[in-house]
C-alpha atoms as a PDB file:
ATOM      1  CA  MET A   1      27.501  -8.351 -16.379  1.00  0.00           C
ATOM      2  CA  ARG A   2      26.734  -5.709 -13.800  1.00  0.00           C
ATOM      3  CA  ARG A   3      23.843  -3.443 -14.860  1.00  0.00           C
ATOM      4  CA  LEU A   4      24.644   0.201 -15.595  1.00  0.00           C
ATOM      5  CA  ARG A   5      23.160   2.498 -12.922  1.00  0.00           C
ATOM      6  CA  ILE A   6      20.955   5.082 -14.452  1.00  0.00           C
ATOM      7  CA  GLN A   7      18.912   7.913 -13.001  1.00  0.00           C
ATOM      8  CA  THR A   8      15.187   8.159 -12.859  1.00  0.00           C
ATOM      9  CA  THR A   9      13.307  11.447 -12.731  1.00  0.00           C
ATOM     10  CA  ALA A  10      11.695  12.614  -9.479  1.00  0.00           C
ATOM     11  CA  ALA A  11       8.063  11.729  -8.889  1.00  0.00           C
ATOM     12  CA  ALA A  12       5.796  14.643  -9.617  1.00  0.00           C
ATOM     13  CA  PHE A  13       3.069  16.081  -7.368  1.00  0.00           C
ATOM     14  CA  THR A  14      -0.478  16.971  -8.318  1.00  0.00           C
ATOM     15  CA  LEU A  15      -1.713  20.362  -7.017  1.00  0.00           C
ATOM     16  CA  LEU A  16      -5.420  21.055  -6.938  1.00  0.00           C
ATOM     17  CA  LEU A  17      -7.351  24.304  -7.594  1.00  0.00           C
ATOM     18  CA  PHE A  18     -10.806  25.117  -6.328  1.00  0.00           C
ATOM     19  CA  SER A  19     -13.069  26.166  -9.176  1.00  0.00           C
ATOM     20  CA  VAL A  20     -16.423  26.836  -7.396  1.00  0.00           C
ATOM     21  CA  ALA A  21     -16.887  29.918  -5.298  1.00  0.00           C
ATOM     22  CA  SER A  22     -19.388  30.436  -2.535  1.00  0.00           C
ATOM     23  CA  ALA A  23     -22.788  31.776  -3.579  1.00  0.00           C
ATOM     24  CA  GLN A  24     -22.728  33.966  -0.429  1.00  0.00           C
ATOM     25  CA  THR A  25     -19.661  35.858  -1.426  1.00  0.00           C
ATOM     26  CA  PRO A  26     -20.048  39.318  -3.072  1.00  0.00           C
ATOM     27  CA  ASN A  27     -19.959  39.297  -6.808  1.00  0.00           C
ATOM     28  CA  ASN A  28     -16.728  41.402  -7.097  1.00  0.00           C
ATOM     29  CA  ALA A  29     -14.739  38.934  -4.955  1.00  0.00           C
ATOM     30  CA  VAL A  30     -16.206  35.976  -6.955  1.00  0.00           C
ATOM     31  CA  SER A  31     -15.286  37.777 -10.230  1.00  0.00           C
ATOM     32  CA  HIS A  32     -11.688  38.300  -9.215  1.00  0.00           C
ATOM     33  CA  TYR A  33     -11.476  34.648  -8.024  1.00  0.00           C
ATOM     34  CA  ARG A  34     -12.785  33.309 -11.349  1.00  0.00           C
ATOM     35  CA  ASP A  35     -10.443  35.568 -13.297  1.00  0.00           C
ATOM     36  CA  GLY A  36      -7.563  34.248 -11.236  1.00  0.00           C
ATOM     37  CA  THR A  37      -8.469  30.687 -12.016  1.00  0.00           C
ATOM     38  CA  LYS A  38      -8.673  31.409 -15.725  1.00  0.00           C
ATOM     39  CA  LYS A  39      -5.277  33.108 -15.580  1.00  0.00           C
ATOM     40  CA  VAL A  40      -3.723  30.080 -13.866  1.00  0.00           C
ATOM     41  CA  GLY A  41      -5.022  27.963 -16.790  1.00  0.00           C
ATOM     42  CA  ARG A  42      -3.377  30.339 -19.222  1.00  0.00           C
ATOM     43  CA  GLY A  43      -0.109  30.370 -17.338  1.00  0.00           C
ATOM     44  CA  ASP A  44      -0.425  34.028 -16.265  1.00  0.00           C
ATOM     45  CA  LEU A  45       0.628  33.330 -12.673  1.00  0.00           C
ATOM     46  CA  ASP A  46       1.397  36.974 -11.745  1.00  0.00           C
ATOM     47  CA  GLY A  47      -2.049  38.046 -12.966  1.00  0.00           C
ATOM     48  CA  ALA A  48      -3.662  35.151 -11.099  1.00  0.00           C
ATOM     49  CA  ILE A  49      -1.915  36.083  -7.843  1.00  0.00           C
ATOM     50  CA  GLU A  50      -3.094  39.676  -8.251  1.00  0.00           C
ATOM     51  CA  ASP A  51      -6.760  38.542  -8.779  1.00  0.00           C
ATOM     52  CA  TYR A  52      -6.730  36.134  -5.925  1.00  0.00           C
ATOM     53  CA  SER A  53      -5.252  38.804  -3.675  1.00  0.00           C
ATOM     54  CA  ARG A  54      -8.073  41.102  -4.524  1.00  0.00           C
ATOM     55  CA  ALA A  55     -10.612  38.356  -3.813  1.00  0.00           C
ATOM     56  CA  ILE A  56      -8.970  37.712  -0.453  1.00  0.00           C
ATOM     57  CA  ALA A  57      -8.915  41.430   0.452  1.00  0.00           C
ATOM     58  CA  ILE A  58     -12.643  41.827  -0.323  1.00  0.00           C
ATOM     59  CA  SER A  59     -13.878  38.618   1.347  1.00  0.00           C
ATOM     60  CA  SER A  60     -11.649  39.055   4.405  1.00  0.00           C
ATOM     61  CA  ARG A  61     -13.188  42.467   5.112  1.00  0.00           C
ATOM     62  CA  LEU A  62     -16.613  40.850   5.236  1.00  0.00           C
ATOM     63  CA  GLY A  63     -16.063  38.777   8.432  1.00  0.00           C
ATOM     64  CA  SER A  64     -18.672  39.395  11.144  1.00  0.00           C
ATOM     65  CA  GLU A  65     -17.726  39.849  14.730  1.00  0.00           C
ATOM     66  CA  LYS A  66     -19.261  37.623  17.357  1.00  0.00           C
ATOM     67  CA  ASP A  67     -18.857  37.199  21.071  1.00  0.00           C
ATOM     68  CA  ASN A  68     -17.468  34.007  22.602  1.00  0.00           C
ATOM     69  CA  SER A  69     -18.081  32.877  26.255  1.00  0.00           C
ATOM     70  CA  SER A  70     -15.372  35.265  27.437  1.00  0.00           C
ATOM     71  CA  ASN A  71     -16.922  38.263  25.605  1.00  0.00           C
ATOM     72  CA  ASN A  72     -13.918  38.570  23.413  1.00  0.00           C
ATOM     73  CA  LYS A  73     -14.447  39.566  19.828  1.00  0.00           C
ATOM     74  CA  ILE A  74     -13.632  36.985  17.207  1.00  0.00           C
ATOM     75  CA  THR A  75     -13.823  37.475  13.446  1.00  0.00           C
ATOM     76  CA  VAL A  76     -15.634  34.824  11.386  1.00  0.00           C
ATOM     77  CA  ILE A  77     -14.107  35.046   7.903  1.00  0.00           C
ATOM     78  CA  ASP A  78     -16.040  34.073   4.794  1.00  0.00           C
ATOM     79  CA  PRO A  79     -15.072  30.382   4.150  1.00  0.00           C
ATOM     80  CA  PHE A  80     -14.641  31.369   0.548  1.00  0.00           C
ATOM     81  CA  THR A  81     -11.437  33.076   1.491  1.00  0.00           C
ATOM     82  CA  ALA A  82      -9.865  29.701   2.235  1.00  0.00           C
ATOM     83  CA  TYR A  83     -10.429  28.686  -1.351  1.00  0.00           C
ATOM     84  CA  ALA A  84      -8.852  31.917  -2.559  1.00  0.00           C
ATOM     85  CA  TYR A  85      -5.796  31.394  -0.368  1.00  0.00           C
ATOM     86  CA  THR A  86      -5.440  27.785  -1.626  1.00  0.00           C
ATOM     87  CA  ASN A  87      -5.556  28.833  -5.249  1.00  0.00           C
ATOM     88  CA  ARG A  88      -3.166  31.697  -4.719  1.00  0.00           C
ATOM     89  CA  GLY A  89      -0.852  29.228  -3.089  1.00  0.00           C
ATOM     90  CA  VAL A  90      -1.055  26.972  -6.170  1.00  0.00           C
ATOM     91  CA  ALA A  91      -0.108  29.910  -8.363  1.00  0.00           C
ATOM     92  CA  ARG A  92       2.812  30.824  -6.080  1.00  0.00           C
ATOM     93  CA  TYR A  93       3.977  27.209  -6.004  1.00  0.00           C
ATOM     94  CA  ARG A  94       4.086  27.102  -9.782  1.00  0.00           C
ATOM     95  CA  LYS A  95       6.148  30.227  -9.796  1.00  0.00           C
ATOM     96  CA  GLY A  96       8.668  28.490  -7.521  1.00  0.00           C
ATOM     97  CA  ASP A  97       7.663  30.596  -4.473  1.00  0.00           C
ATOM     98  CA  PHE A  98       7.379  27.684  -2.103  1.00  0.00           C
ATOM     99  CA  GLU A  99       7.551  29.714   1.098  1.00  0.00           C
ATOM    100  CA  GLY A 100       4.827  31.949  -0.173  1.00  0.00           C
ATOM    101  CA  ALA A 101       2.706  28.980  -1.219  1.00  0.00           C
ATOM    102  CA  LYS A 102       3.056  27.307   2.156  1.00  0.00           C
ATOM    103  CA  ALA A 103       2.049  30.604   3.922  1.00  0.00           C
ATOM    104  CA  ASP A 104      -1.123  30.694   1.758  1.00  0.00           C
ATOM    105  CA  PHE A 105      -1.949  27.058   2.517  1.00  0.00           C
ATOM    106  CA  ASP A 106      -1.394  27.768   6.227  1.00  0.00           C
ATOM    107  CA  ALA A 107      -3.880  30.686   6.012  1.00  0.00           C
ATOM    108  CA  ALA A 108      -6.428  28.541   4.268  1.00  0.00           C
ATOM    109  CA  LEU A 109      -6.202  25.880   7.011  1.00  0.00           C
ATOM    110  CA  ARG A 110      -6.559  28.457   9.748  1.00  0.00           C
ATOM    111  CA  ILE A 111      -9.858  29.463   8.186  1.00  0.00           C
ATOM    112  CA  ARG A 112     -10.967  25.881   7.297  1.00  0.00           C
ATOM    113  CA  PRO A 113      -9.074  23.276   9.263  1.00  0.00           C
ATOM    114  CA  GLY A 114     -10.797  20.434   7.457  1.00  0.00           C
ATOM    115  CA  LEU A 115      -9.760  21.363   3.958  1.00  0.00           C
ATOM    116  CA  ALA A 116      -8.200  18.226   2.556  1.00  0.00           C
ATOM    117  CA  THR A 117      -6.986  19.958  -0.694  1.00  0.00           C
ATOM    118  CA  ALA A 118      -5.070  22.569   1.290  1.00  0.00           C
ATOM    119  CA  TYR A 119      -3.315  19.864   3.356  1.00  0.00           C
ATOM    120  CA  LEU A 120      -2.325  18.015   0.177  1.00  0.00           C
ATOM    121  CA  ASN A 121      -1.103  21.166  -1.513  1.00  0.00           C
ATOM    122  CA  ARG A 122       0.867  22.206   1.663  1.00  0.00           C
ATOM    123  CA  ALA A 123       2.484  18.743   1.509  1.00  0.00           C
ATOM    124  CA  ALA A 124       3.774  19.600  -2.004  1.00  0.00           C
ATOM    125  CA  ALA A 125       5.218  22.941  -0.760  1.00  0.00           C
ATOM    126  CA  ARG A 126       6.843  21.310   2.257  1.00  0.00           C
ATOM    127  CA  ARG A 127       8.415  18.673  -0.001  1.00  0.00           C
ATOM    128  CA  GLU A 128       9.979  21.378  -2.101  1.00  0.00           C
ATOM    129  CA  LEU A 129      11.262  23.086   1.050  1.00  0.00           C
ATOM    130  CA  GLY A 130      12.937  19.834   2.229  1.00  0.00           C
ATOM    131  CA  ASP A 131      10.458  19.031   5.049  1.00  0.00           C
ATOM    132  CA  LEU A 132       9.570  15.494   3.961  1.00  0.00           C
ATOM    133  CA  THR A 133       8.309  14.500   7.444  1.00  0.00           C
ATOM    134  CA  GLY A 134       5.928  17.496   7.574  1.00  0.00           C
ATOM    135  CA  ALA A 135       4.830  16.782   4.019  1.00  0.00           C
ATOM    136  CA  LEU A 136       4.015  13.182   4.827  1.00  0.00           C
ATOM    137  CA  ALA A 137       2.038  14.259   7.923  1.00  0.00           C
ATOM    138  CA  ASP A 138      -0.005  16.623   5.665  1.00  0.00           C
ATOM    139  CA  ALA A 139      -0.651  13.949   3.127  1.00  0.00           C
ATOM    140  CA  ASP A 140      -1.828  11.565   5.840  1.00  0.00           C
ATOM    141  CA  ARG A 141      -4.092  14.294   7.209  1.00  0.00           C
ATOM    142  CA  ALA A 142      -5.577  14.918   3.712  1.00  0.00           C
ATOM    143  CA  ILE A 143      -6.414  11.180   3.252  1.00  0.00           C
ATOM    144  CA  SER A 144      -7.783  10.906   6.776  1.00  0.00           C
ATOM    145  CA  ILE A 145     -10.302  13.650   5.942  1.00  0.00           C
ATOM    146  CA  LYS A 146     -11.028  12.276   2.477  1.00  0.00           C
ATOM    147  CA  PRO A 147     -10.413   8.531   2.398  1.00  0.00           C
ATOM    148  CA  ASP A 148     -11.186   8.212  -1.376  1.00  0.00           C
ATOM    149  CA  PHE A 149      -8.752  11.045  -2.258  1.00  0.00           C
ATOM    150  CA  PHE A 150      -7.111   9.723  -5.432  1.00  0.00           C
ATOM    151  CA  GLU A 151      -4.521  12.506  -5.559  1.00  0.00           C
ATOM    152  CA  GLY A 152      -3.859  12.043  -1.876  1.00  0.00           C
ATOM    153  CA  TYR A 153      -2.653   8.421  -2.407  1.00  0.00           C
ATOM    154  CA  SER A 154      -0.724   9.402  -5.538  1.00  0.00           C
ATOM    155  CA  ASN A 155       1.084  12.248  -3.768  1.00  0.00           C
ATOM    156  CA  ARG A 156       1.692  10.300  -0.542  1.00  0.00           C
ATOM    157  CA  GLY A 157       3.176   7.498  -2.662  1.00  0.00           C
ATOM    158  CA  ALA A 158       5.645  10.000  -4.166  1.00  0.00           C
ATOM    159  CA  LEU A 159       6.602  11.160  -0.650  1.00  0.00           C
ATOM    160  CA  ARG A 160       7.097   7.606   0.574  1.00  0.00           C
ATOM    161  CA  HIS A 161       9.221   7.012  -2.504  1.00  0.00           C
ATOM    162  CA  ASP A 162      11.342  10.028  -1.523  1.00  0.00           C
ATOM    163  CA  LEU A 163      11.731   8.699   1.978  1.00  0.00           C
ATOM    164  CA  GLY A 164      12.864   5.261   0.785  1.00  0.00           C
ATOM    165  CA  ASP A 165       9.646   3.469   1.845  1.00  0.00           C
ATOM    166  CA  LEU A 166       9.164   1.545  -1.368  1.00  0.00           C
ATOM    167  CA  THR A 167       6.616  -0.854   0.175  1.00  0.00           C
ATOM    168  CA  GLY A 168       4.477   1.994   1.348  1.00  0.00           C
ATOM    169  CA  ALA A 169       4.861   3.885  -1.946  1.00  0.00           C
ATOM    170  CA  LEU A 170       3.761   0.939  -3.988  1.00  0.00           C
ATOM    171  CA  GLU A 171       0.753   0.368  -1.720  1.00  0.00           C
ATOM    172  CA  ASP A 172      -0.292   3.990  -2.217  1.00  0.00           C
ATOM    173  CA  PHE A 173       0.207   3.886  -6.049  1.00  0.00           C
ATOM    174  CA  ASP A 174      -1.751   0.633  -6.203  1.00  0.00           C
ATOM    175  CA  HIS A 175      -4.533   2.271  -4.297  1.00  0.00           C
ATOM    176  CA  ALA A 176      -4.439   5.388  -6.565  1.00  0.00           C
ATOM    177  CA  VAL A 177      -4.521   3.198  -9.711  1.00  0.00           C
ATOM    178  CA  LYS A 178      -7.428   1.277  -8.236  1.00  0.00           C
ATOM    179  CA  LEU A 179      -9.344   4.483  -7.560  1.00  0.00           C
ATOM    180  CA  ASN A 180      -8.561   5.905 -11.014  1.00  0.00           C
ATOM    181  CA  PRO A 181      -7.303   3.233 -13.483  1.00  0.00           C
ATOM    182  CA  HIS A 182      -7.317   5.782 -16.327  1.00  0.00           C
ATOM    183  CA  SER A 183      -4.782   8.092 -14.652  1.00  0.00           C
ATOM    184  CA  ALA A 184      -1.544   7.901 -16.674  1.00  0.00           C
ATOM    185  CA  GLU A 185       0.197   9.833 -13.962  1.00  0.00           C
ATOM    186  CA  ALA A 186      -0.617   7.348 -11.158  1.00  0.00           C
ATOM    187  CA  VAL A 187       0.474   4.445 -13.426  1.00  0.00           C
ATOM    188  CA  TYR A 188       3.807   6.057 -14.421  1.00  0.00           C
ATOM    189  CA  LEU A 189       4.560   7.026 -10.840  1.00  0.00           C
ATOM    190  CA  ARG A 190       4.061   3.367  -9.867  1.00  0.00           C
ATOM    191  CA  GLY A 191       6.467   2.493 -12.684  1.00  0.00           C
ATOM    192  CA  TYR A 192       9.252   4.565 -11.124  1.00  0.00           C
ATOM    193  CA  ALA A 193       8.598   3.000  -7.750  1.00  0.00           C
ATOM    194  CA  ARG A 194       8.848  -0.404  -9.362  1.00  0.00           C
ATOM    195  CA  ILE A 195      12.236   0.533 -10.932  1.00  0.00           C
ATOM    196  CA  ALA A 196      13.467   1.475  -7.420  1.00  0.00           C
ATOM    197  CA  ALA A 197      12.225  -1.899  -6.212  1.00  0.00           C
ATOM    198  CA  LYS A 198      14.015  -3.572  -9.151  1.00  0.00           C
ATOM    199  CA  ASN A 199      10.770  -4.903 -10.543  1.00  0.00           C
ATOM    200  CA  TYR A 200      11.758  -3.975 -14.114  1.00  0.00           C
ATOM    201  CA  ASP A 201       9.114  -6.166 -15.829  1.00  0.00           C
ATOM    202  CA  GLY A 202       6.352  -4.516 -13.752  1.00  0.00           C
ATOM    203  CA  ALA A 203       7.907  -1.076 -14.500  1.00  0.00           C
ATOM    204  CA  VAL A 204       7.878  -1.711 -18.248  1.00  0.00           C
ATOM    205  CA  SER A 205       4.214  -2.857 -18.008  1.00  0.00           C
ATOM    206  CA  ASP A 206       3.282   0.345 -16.130  1.00  0.00           C
ATOM    207  CA  PHE A 207       5.038   2.670 -18.533  1.00  0.00           C
ATOM    208  CA  GLN A 208       3.574   0.920 -21.573  1.00  0.00           C
ATOM    209  CA  THR A 209       0.119   1.442 -20.009  1.00  0.00           C
ATOM    210  CA  ALA A 210       0.938   5.094 -19.265  1.00  0.00           C
ATOM    211  CA  VAL A 211       1.932   5.865 -22.902  1.00  0.00           C
ATOM    212  CA  LYS A 212      -1.255   4.261 -24.096  1.00  0.00           C
ATOM    213  CA  LEU A 213      -3.294   6.387 -21.761  1.00  0.00           C
ATOM    214  CA  ALA A 214      -1.364   9.549 -22.519  1.00  0.00           C
ATOM    215  CA  PRO A 215       0.649   9.291 -25.806  1.00  0.00           C
ATOM    216  CA  ASN A 216       2.239  12.744 -25.306  1.00  0.00           C
ATOM    217  CA  MET A 217       3.394  12.173 -21.735  1.00  0.00           C
ATOM    218  CA  ALA A 218       7.203  12.623 -22.150  1.00  0.00           C
ATOM    219  CA  LEU A 219       8.113  11.289 -18.768  1.00  0.00           C
ATOM    220  CA  ALA A 220       6.350   7.988 -19.416  1.00  0.00           C
ATOM    221  CA  TYR A 221       8.537   7.385 -22.433  1.00  0.00           C
ATOM    222  CA  HIS A 222      11.573   8.314 -20.323  1.00  0.00           C
ATOM    223  CA  GLY A 223      10.514   5.839 -17.704  1.00  0.00           C
ATOM    224  CA  LEU A 224       9.942   3.159 -20.283  1.00  0.00           C
ATOM    225  CA  GLY A 225      13.443   3.778 -21.702  1.00  0.00           C
ATOM    226  CA  THR A 226      14.924   3.581 -18.213  1.00  0.00           C
ATOM    227  CA  ALA A 227      13.248   0.307 -17.390  1.00  0.00           C
ATOM    228  CA  LEU A 228      14.160  -1.206 -20.715  1.00  0.00           C
ATOM    229  CA  MET A 229      17.776  -0.130 -20.270  1.00  0.00           C
ATOM    230  CA  TYR A 230      17.922  -1.962 -16.933  1.00  0.00           C
ATOM    231  CA  LYS A 231      16.596  -5.049 -18.726  1.00  0.00           C
ATOM    232  CA  GLY A 232      19.408  -4.719 -21.279  1.00  0.00           C
ATOM    233  CA  ALA A 233      17.195  -3.762 -24.210  1.00  0.00           C
ATOM    234  CA  VAL A 234      19.504  -1.010 -25.277  1.00  0.00           C
ATOM    235  CA  ASP A 235      18.025  -0.244 -28.718  1.00  0.00           C
ATOM    236  CA  ALA A 236      14.524  -0.116 -27.415  1.00  0.00           C
ATOM    237  CA  SER A 237      15.590   2.173 -24.523  1.00  0.00           C
ATOM    238  CA  ILE A 238      17.247   4.590 -27.012  1.00  0.00           C
ATOM    239  CA  ASP A 239      14.072   4.680 -29.009  1.00  0.00           C
ATOM    240  CA  ASN A 240      11.983   5.599 -25.989  1.00  0.00           C
ATOM    241  CA  PHE A 241      14.438   8.231 -24.685  1.00  0.00           C
ATOM    242  CA  THR A 242      14.197   9.771 -28.219  1.00  0.00           C
ATOM    243  CA  LYS A 243      10.366   9.800 -28.019  1.00  0.00           C
ATOM    244  CA  ALA A 244      10.586  11.470 -24.662  1.00  0.00           C
ATOM    245  CA  LEU A 245      12.812  14.217 -25.955  1.00  0.00           C
ATOM    246  CA  ASP A 246      10.646  14.685 -29.088  1.00  0.00           C
ATOM    247  CA  ARG A 247       7.875  15.608 -26.648  1.00  0.00           C
ATOM    248  CA  ASP A 248       9.941  17.556 -24.135  1.00  0.00           C
ATOM    249  CA  PRO A 249      13.473  18.583 -25.164  1.00  0.00           C
ATOM    250  CA  GLY A 250      14.104  19.807 -21.626  1.00  0.00           C
ATOM    251  CA  ILE A 251      14.314  16.341 -19.856  1.00  0.00           C
ATOM    252  CA  VAL A 252      17.944  16.431 -18.683  1.00  0.00           C
ATOM    253  CA  TRP A 253      18.036  12.803 -17.643  1.00  0.00           C
ATOM    254  CA  ALA A 254      16.777  11.652 -21.057  1.00  0.00           C
ATOM    255  CA  TYR A 255      19.973  13.078 -22.639  1.00  0.00           C
ATOM    256  CA  PHE A 256      22.032  11.653 -19.843  1.00  0.00           C
ATOM    257  CA  ASN A 257      20.602   8.139 -20.120  1.00  0.00           C
ATOM    258  CA  ARG A 258      20.418   8.110 -23.890  1.00  0.00           C
ATOM    259  CA  GLY A 259      24.070   9.048 -24.035  1.00  0.00           C
ATOM    260  CA  LEU A 260      24.922   6.118 -21.688  1.00  0.00           C
ATOM    261  CA  ALA A 261      22.829   3.751 -23.835  1.00  0.00           C
ATOM    262  CA  LEU A 262      24.678   4.966 -26.956  1.00  0.00           C
ATOM    263  CA  LEU A 263      28.009   4.255 -25.274  1.00  0.00           C
ATOM    264  CA  LEU A 264      26.875   0.741 -24.601  1.00  0.00           C
ATOM    265  CA  LYS A 265      26.658   0.383 -28.398  1.00  0.00           C
ATOM    266  CA  GLY A 266      30.025   2.157 -28.915  1.00  0.00           C
ATOM    267  CA  GLU A 267      28.530   5.227 -30.532  1.00  0.00           C
ATOM    268  CA  GLU A 268      30.845   7.820 -29.030  1.00  0.00           C
ATOM    269  CA  ALA A 269      29.984  10.773 -31.232  1.00  0.00           C
ATOM    270  CA  ARG A 270      26.212  10.556 -30.721  1.00  0.00           C
ATOM    271  CA  ALA A 271      26.715   9.908 -26.975  1.00  0.00           C
ATOM    272  CA  GLN A 272      28.916  13.018 -26.669  1.00  0.00           C
ATOM    273  CA  ALA A 273      26.274  15.166 -28.341  1.00  0.00           C
ATOM    274  CA  ASP A 274      23.709  13.990 -25.766  1.00  0.00           C
ATOM    275  CA  PHE A 275      26.158  14.673 -22.936  1.00  0.00           C
ATOM    276  CA  ASP A 276      26.798  18.160 -24.224  1.00  0.00           C
ATOM    277  CA  ARG A 277      23.026  18.884 -24.279  1.00  0.00           C
ATOM    278  CA  CYS A 278      22.700  17.378 -20.776  1.00  0.00           C
ATOM    279  CA  LEU A 279      25.461  19.583 -19.335  1.00  0.00           C
ATOM    280  CA  ALA A 280      24.145  22.643 -21.104  1.00  0.00           C
ATOM    281  CA  LEU A 281      20.926  22.122 -19.141  1.00  0.00           C
ATOM    282  CA  ASN A 282      22.557  21.153 -15.852  1.00  0.00           C
ATOM    283  CA  HIS A 283      26.351  21.542 -15.587  1.00  0.00           C
ATOM    284  CA  ASN A 284      26.298  20.250 -12.050  1.00  0.00           C
ATOM    285  CA  LEU A 285      25.912  16.678 -13.399  1.00  0.00           C
ATOM    286  CA  LYS A 286      29.371  16.707 -14.987  1.00  0.00           C
ATOM    287  CA  ASP A 287      31.184  14.619 -12.350  1.00  0.00           C
ATOM    288  CA  GLU A 288      28.425  11.985 -12.172  1.00  0.00           C
ATOM    289  CA  LEU A 289      28.257  11.889 -15.984  1.00  0.00           C
ATOM    290  CA  VAL A 290      31.986  11.287 -16.331  1.00  0.00           C
ATOM    291  CA  ARG A 291      31.821   8.399 -13.794  1.00  0.00           C
ATOM    292  CA  ARG A 292      28.960   6.648 -15.422  1.00  0.00           C
ATOM    293  CA  ALA A 293      30.230   7.206 -18.942  1.00  0.00           C
ATOM    294  CA  GLU A 294      33.493   5.451 -18.066  1.00  0.00           C
ATOM    295  CA  LEU A 295      31.498   2.585 -16.624  1.00  0.00           C
ATOM    296  CA  ALA A 296      29.457   2.326 -19.860  1.00  0.00           C
ATOM    297  CA  ARG A 297      32.647   2.370 -21.989  1.00  0.00           C
ATOM    298  CA  GLY A 298      34.040  -0.416 -19.814  1.00  0.00           C
ATOM    299  CA  MET A 299      30.938  -2.498 -20.277  1.00  0.00           C
ATOM    300  CA  TYR A 300      31.077  -2.058 -24.035  1.00  0.00           C
ATOM    301  CA  GLN A 301      34.717  -3.024 -24.197  1.00  0.00           C
ATOM    302  CA  GLN A 302      34.146  -6.049 -21.886  1.00  0.00           C
ATOM    303  CA  LYS A 303      31.249  -7.238 -24.096  1.00  0.00           C
ATOM    304  CA  ASN A 304      33.382  -6.958 -27.220  1.00  0.00           C
ATOM    305  CA  LYS A 305      36.304  -8.671 -25.625  1.00  0.00           C
ATOM    306  CA  ALA A 306      34.061 -11.559 -24.655  1.00  0.00           C
ATOM    307  CA  ILE A 307      32.986 -12.016 -28.281  1.00  0.00           C
ATOM    308  CA  VAL A 308      36.576 -12.170 -29.625  1.00  0.00           C
ATOM    309  CA  ARG A 309      38.262 -15.615 -29.542  1.00  0.00           C
ATOM    310  CA  ASP A 310      41.939 -16.344 -30.154  1.00  0.00           C
END
């Protein structure tokens, strides 16, 4: 019987904040910087952006002018400003302002061209803006600067997955897991890559490890449900989609996929309830949902027909 095609969630990116400010920076700039970092942690992104902007304004004014060989004045900006730009970019990214985030990461790299974290964060912004080639170049640059950059390998693996380079993605996720075997995120990202590579047993193993490491990681349960569904373990897949939704009721694909799994059991009413929730969250999935639901119904009917004997 042909397997039912189901949708996995997109691989997530890790963005990094700087938490340590330069001791040479004036106290008022450092104070705004630290307040901004606290506000990011509380989810007050507008307040964080305001504080980082104040820190940038103060520290940028403190650049000293020096002469180069051509006697032209150049401004040497306090390196601390690059950290403030990077953190403000993270806050803007989390607000969905990807253009603004990229502009901040650009500014950070003009001040400190060797800042691996700014390259990696800019890769995330470029990915959201559809520039996968530029994003991959930034991730490569981050890793070249910092070869043991765990988040660098994890994020580059996600990019390679996006670009269809499953071999490269799996190599990066393997490296990330080796660098940090206790990272549930790296393990579950490798699980999604293994699904794409049709290594369902390996994917199940990764997702089971991820849920042990992070019992409340909703996407790990969704991944486990997806891998089990590909293996034909329908009841177990439904159980894991339910666990995912218990932890995060906003996972659109968990409703989508649980509905398909329920159709494979002939449970039309429960499946329709899931499809209704799915479309309420993302109505643009309607055409795809209708096609796949019909396929699931056909598989259920074919299975029952095979059981009946004249």
